[in-house]
């Protein structure tokens, strides 16, 4: 199958996934045991299709973990993972929080395969890194419409978090690292509020912006070009 034909299949698979998940959310709501189990099954099925169809592209970068020892990355990643502790207000019952935390792994795998491993890589080869990160995460925001509370604050945080993950992926070349950070962020969020937050959830864009600036400095400084 040609690349164009493979991409058409990927688009059809993802449109089917998009439609089915919205049906599940409409029927079961955003926070239900049954709904999350069904969505997890859909995520795993979609991730499996993406891996089968686009594995060479998803694994097209050569991982380099040496830059992870640099202070801007460590500070940016720590602030990123601290954000849901500071502002997260999921407030799920314990059993449902545990399920959502476990489901964060399939979420990270499916979304990083699609958005960083496929979309960002394709756009980067044509438009360059910065345009690829921006374009990918505009799509990333649209993809979350209908499964997150609709507000400019929520979607700004989705964009910032996705941009951070995109830069981490471009610099490190590791899709596994992007998956791990994504899954950890979502898992921590599942158990919030962990502490009496000093800020409301709409203020999440503040620490995420600071984390993104640190990661951008780390990723875009001299010698930071991603590996193709």
Foldseek 3Di string as FASTA:
>chain_A
DDPVVLVVVLVVLVVVLLVVLLVLCVVANLQDPVSLVVNLVSLVVSLVSLCVSPVCQLLVFDFDCVLCPDDLNVVLLVLLLCLLQQAFDPPDDPVSLVSQLVSLLSVLSSLLSPQQSPQLSVCCVPPNNVVSLQVSQVVQLVSCPSNDPDDPLVSLLSSLLSSLLNLVCQQRVDSVVSSVSRSSSRSSSSPPPPDPHPDYNSPSNVSSVVSSVSSCCSQVPPPNGGGD
